[in-house]
Amino acid sequence: MIAKTIKDIKDTLPEGVKLIAVSKFHPVEAVMEAYNAGQRLFGENKVQEMTAKHEVLPKDIEWHFIGHLQTNKVKYIAPYVTMIHSIDSLHLLTEVNRQAEKANRVIDVLLQIHIAHEETKFGMTFDECRELLNKGSWKTLTHVRICGLMGMATFTDDMEQVEREFVSLQAFLEELKNSWFTGDATFKELSMGMTDDYPIAVRHGSTFVRIGTLIFGERNYNK
């Protein structure tokens, strides 16, 4: 079932759009089922859970950290994480750079932007992000590579609102491309869209869709 669902999703994605299978709260066995179906990109939002899975699962898996990241936890994932989608401050970006340097790596990151009409979601406002980039100190960080933006739409049945939020993030990516990242070929990624809204996200330029429930079923949060 997992294998068929992954194939069905990938068949709907345009070229250049990558599927991240969000495996949080799902067991290693489910991840292996997806892996055996050819899936290699997996997303987790808890450091402890991702590290535990990384230790026992195949080493060619690309781990994407998509949850809120505390600075004191960065050191645990820096040696192996492929991309961190949730950079929401210069302080966090600097710590990722510090830990990446210790691990002798360059870590790809996305700046998380708050586009939802919900206070519970993390991320910078557009102005906070502009302020971070204006300061310029991020340019001295040689062990992180800013590759684009991530955003989460409002949890709502109003798909017109969701679409407006995705449109705003796509426009902001273009603004940053033309101002702070002119000529930077790596600054192109847009991580937005989940199980219920990913087709809308793809229409508006998403390059990473983060899909969990559709692939693995409902999560058991009591485990």
Protein backbone atom coordinates (compact mmCIF):
# COMPACT_ATOMS: atom_id res chain seq x y z
CA MET A 1 0.00 0.00 0.00
CA ILE A 2 2.80 2.44 0.91
CA ALA A 3 4.65 1.60 -2.30
CA LYS A 4 1.56 2.19 -4.46
CA THR A 5 0.76 5.49 -2.74
CA ILE A 6 4.32 6.78 -3.26
CA LYS A 7 4.16 5.84 -6.93
CA ASP A 8 0.74 7.50 -7.32
CA ILE A 9 1.98 10.73 -5.69
CA LYS A 10 5.18 10.84 -7.75
CA ASP A 11 3.16 10.31 -10.93
CA THR A 12 1.32 13.58 -10.16
CA LEU A 13 4.45 15.65 -9.47
CA PRO A 14 6.03 17.69 -12.26
CA GLU A 15 9.71 17.22 -13.04
CA GLY A 16 11.88 18.94 -10.46
CA VAL A 17 9.41 18.57 -7.59
CA LYS A 18 10.71 16.23 -4.89
CA LEU A 19 8.67 14.16 -2.47
CA ILE A 20 9.64 14.14 1.20
CA ALA A 21 7.94 11.25 3.00
CA VAL A 22 7.19 12.60 6.47
CA SER A 23 7.82 9.63 8.75
CA LYS A 24 7.44 11.29 12.16
CA PHE A 25 5.73 9.06 14.72
CA HIS A 26 5.81 6.16 12.25
CA PRO A 27 7.91 3.06 12.95
CA VAL A 28 11.14 2.04 11.26
CA GLU A 29 9.25 -0.78 9.50
CA ALA A 30 7.05 1.74 7.69
CA VAL A 31 10.10 3.78 6.66
CA MET A 32 11.73 0.61 5.28
CA GLU A 33 8.60 -0.19 3.30
CA ALA A 34 8.82 3.25 1.67
CA TYR A 35 12.58 2.84 1.21
CA ASN A 36 12.07 -0.50 -0.55
CA ALA A 37 9.65 1.27 -2.87
CA GLY A 38 12.50 3.57 -3.93
CA GLN A 39 11.84 6.53 -1.62
CA ARG A 40 15.00 8.17 -0.31
CA LEU A 41 13.94 11.56 1.11
CA PHE A 42 12.38 11.40 4.57
CA GLY A 43 11.25 14.20 6.88
CA GLU A 44 11.23 14.27 10.67
CA ASN A 45 10.43 17.02 13.15
CA LYS A 46 11.94 15.65 16.36
CA VAL A 47 15.74 15.42 16.72
CA GLN A 48 15.68 12.37 18.99
CA GLU A 49 13.39 10.40 16.70
CA MET A 50 15.29 11.29 13.55
CA THR A 51 18.64 10.36 15.10
CA ALA A 52 17.31 7.03 16.36
CA LYS A 53 16.02 6.19 12.87
CA HIS A 54 19.21 7.37 11.19
CA GLU A 55 21.22 4.98 13.34
CA VAL A 56 19.32 1.86 12.22
CA LEU A 57 18.19 2.67 8.68
CA PRO A 58 20.16 2.60 5.39
CA LYS A 59 22.78 5.32 5.13
CA ASP A 60 21.75 6.52 1.67
CA ILE A 61 18.55 8.01 3.11
CA GLU A 62 18.44 11.82 2.84
CA TRP A 63 17.09 13.15 6.14
CA HIS A 64 15.23 16.46 6.05
CA PHE A 65 14.56 18.15 9.38
CA ILE A 66 11.23 19.97 9.08
CA GLY A 67 10.25 20.78 12.67
CA HIS A 68 11.09 23.57 15.08
CA LEU A 69 14.77 23.21 15.91
CA GLN A 70 16.29 24.26 19.23
CA THR A 71 19.89 25.46 19.06
CA ASN A 72 21.04 22.98 21.73
CA LYS A 73 19.85 20.07 19.57
CA VAL A 74 21.66 21.05 16.34
CA LYS A 75 24.82 19.13 17.28
CA TYR A 76 22.98 15.81 17.19
CA ILE A 77 21.87 16.09 13.56
CA ALA A 78 24.73 18.15 12.06
CA PRO A 79 26.85 15.09 11.17
CA TYR A 80 24.24 13.60 8.83
CA VAL A 81 21.21 15.82 8.09
CA THR A 82 20.72 16.58 4.37
CA MET A 83 18.66 19.74 4.77
CA ILE A 84 17.13 21.78 7.59
CA HIS A 85 13.87 23.41 6.47
CA SER A 86 13.17 25.40 9.63
CA ILE A 87 15.75 28.16 10.07
CA ASP A 88 13.82 30.95 11.81
CA SER A 89 16.58 33.18 13.23
CA LEU A 90 20.15 34.32 12.67
CA HIS A 91 21.00 32.73 16.03
CA LEU A 92 19.90 29.29 14.81
CA LEU A 93 21.58 29.72 11.42
CA THR A 94 24.85 30.62 13.16
CA GLU A 95 24.65 27.56 15.41
CA VAL A 96 23.99 25.26 12.43
CA ASN A 97 27.05 26.78 10.76
CA ARG A 98 29.14 26.19 13.91
CA GLN A 99 28.10 22.56 14.24
CA ALA A 100 28.48 21.92 10.50
CA GLU A 101 32.03 23.22 10.68
CA LYS A 102 32.76 20.81 13.54
CA ALA A 103 31.39 17.98 11.40
CA ASN A 104 33.42 19.22 8.41
CA ARG A 105 30.27 19.65 6.32
CA VAL A 106 28.22 22.28 4.54
CA ILE A 107 24.55 21.94 5.45
CA ASP A 108 21.77 23.05 3.10
CA VAL A 109 19.07 25.09 4.86
CA LEU A 110 15.79 26.82 4.13
CA LEU A 111 14.54 29.97 5.85
CA GLN A 112 11.15 29.30 7.45
CA ILE A 113 8.59 32.01 6.79
CA HIS A 114 5.38 32.39 8.80
CA ILE A 115 2.61 32.61 6.19
CA ALA A 116 -0.26 31.01 8.14
CA HIS A 117 -2.97 32.84 10.06
CA GLU A 118 -2.08 30.80 13.13
CA GLU A 119 0.11 31.86 16.03
CA THR A 120 1.12 28.26 16.80
CA LYS A 121 3.24 27.92 13.68
CA PHE A 122 6.89 28.99 13.69
CA GLY A 123 8.82 31.09 11.21
CA MET A 124 9.91 34.63 10.47
CA THR A 125 7.66 37.31 9.04
CA PHE A 126 8.64 38.69 5.66
CA ASP A 127 10.07 41.76 7.38
CA GLU A 128 12.05 39.73 9.93
CA CYS A 129 13.58 37.75 7.08
CA ARG A 130 14.46 40.93 5.18
CA GLU A 131 16.05 42.29 8.36
CA LEU A 132 18.14 39.12 8.80
CA LEU A 133 19.38 39.31 5.21
CA ASN A 134 19.99 43.05 5.41
CA LYS A 135 22.37 42.56 8.34
CA GLY A 136 24.65 40.66 5.98
CA SER A 137 26.47 38.61 8.62
CA TRP A 138 24.97 35.42 7.16
CA LYS A 139 27.29 35.87 4.18
CA THR A 140 30.27 35.04 6.39
CA LEU A 141 28.85 31.63 7.36
CA THR A 142 30.74 29.21 5.14
CA HIS A 143 29.28 25.93 6.42
CA VAL A 144 25.62 26.60 5.62
CA ARG A 145 24.07 27.11 2.22
CA ILE A 146 20.73 28.98 2.09
CA CYS A 147 18.80 27.22 -0.68
CA GLY A 148 15.35 28.79 -0.41
CA LEU A 149 12.26 29.09 1.77
CA MET A 150 9.83 26.91 3.69
CA GLY A 151 6.30 27.73 4.77
CA MET A 152 3.23 26.06 6.23
CA ALA A 153 -0.23 27.18 5.21
CA THR A 154 -3.08 27.69 7.64
CA PHE A 155 -4.84 24.49 8.73
CA THR A 156 -8.20 25.23 7.15
CA ASP A 157 -10.75 23.92 4.65
CA ASP A 158 -10.60 27.29 2.86
CA MET A 159 -8.34 26.36 -0.04
CA GLU A 160 -8.52 29.90 -1.45
CA GLN A 161 -6.81 31.15 1.70
CA VAL A 162 -4.20 28.39 1.45
CA GLU A 163 -3.58 29.36 -2.16
CA ARG A 164 -3.12 33.04 -1.24
CA GLU A 165 -0.54 32.04 1.37
CA PHE A 166 1.40 29.89 -1.10
CA VAL A 167 1.27 32.68 -3.70
CA SER A 168 2.72 35.11 -1.14
CA LEU A 169 5.64 32.77 -0.37
CA GLN A 170 6.35 32.18 -4.06
CA ALA A 171 6.43 35.95 -4.62
CA PHE A 172 8.75 36.42 -1.63
CA LEU A 173 11.16 33.82 -3.01
CA GLU A 174 11.32 35.80 -6.25
CA GLU A 175 11.90 39.01 -4.31
CA LEU A 176 14.84 37.49 -2.46
CA LYS A 177 16.25 35.98 -5.65
CA ASN A 178 16.29 39.43 -7.21
CA SER A 179 17.70 41.26 -4.20
CA TRP A 180 20.01 39.19 -1.97
CA PHE A 181 20.58 36.06 -4.06
CA THR A 182 21.10 37.44 -7.56
CA GLY A 183 23.01 34.90 -9.63
CA ASP A 184 22.94 32.28 -6.85
CA ALA A 185 21.81 29.11 -8.65
CA THR A 186 21.34 27.21 -5.37
CA PHE A 187 18.72 29.63 -4.03
CA LYS A 188 15.68 28.14 -5.76
CA GLU A 189 13.92 25.73 -3.37
CA LEU A 190 10.39 26.24 -2.07
CA SER A 191 9.24 23.75 0.57
CA MET A 192 5.48 23.99 0.87
CA GLY A 193 2.52 21.68 0.57
CA MET A 194 1.43 18.70 2.64
CA THR A 195 -1.10 15.88 2.29
CA ASP A 196 -4.20 18.08 1.97
CA ASP A 197 -2.81 20.96 -0.06
CA TYR A 198 0.25 19.81 -2.00
CA PRO A 199 -1.39 20.06 -5.48
CA ILE A 200 -1.99 23.78 -4.82
CA ALA A 201 1.58 24.22 -3.59
CA VAL A 202 2.97 22.55 -6.72
CA ARG A 203 0.96 24.93 -8.91
CA HIS A 204 2.69 27.82 -7.16
CA GLY A 205 6.28 26.73 -7.49
CA SER A 206 6.87 24.28 -4.65
CA THR A 207 9.99 22.14 -5.21
CA PHE A 208 9.59 20.01 -2.05
CA VAL A 209 6.25 18.57 -0.92
CA ARG A 210 6.13 17.14 2.61
CA ILE A 211 3.63 14.28 2.71
CA GLY A 212 3.06 11.98 5.67
CA THR A 213 -0.52 10.94 6.38
CA LEU A 214 -1.33 10.10 2.76
CA ILE A 215 1.66 7.73 2.62
CA PHE A 216 1.79 6.23 6.11
CA GLY A 217 -1.75 6.71 7.40
CA GLU A 218 -2.82 8.49 10.57
CA ARG A 219 -0.17 8.85 13.26
CA ASN A 220 -0.37 7.31 16.69
CA TYR A 221 0.76 10.19 18.91
CA ASN A 222 0.54 8.02 22.03
CA LYS A 223 3.48 5.80 21.10
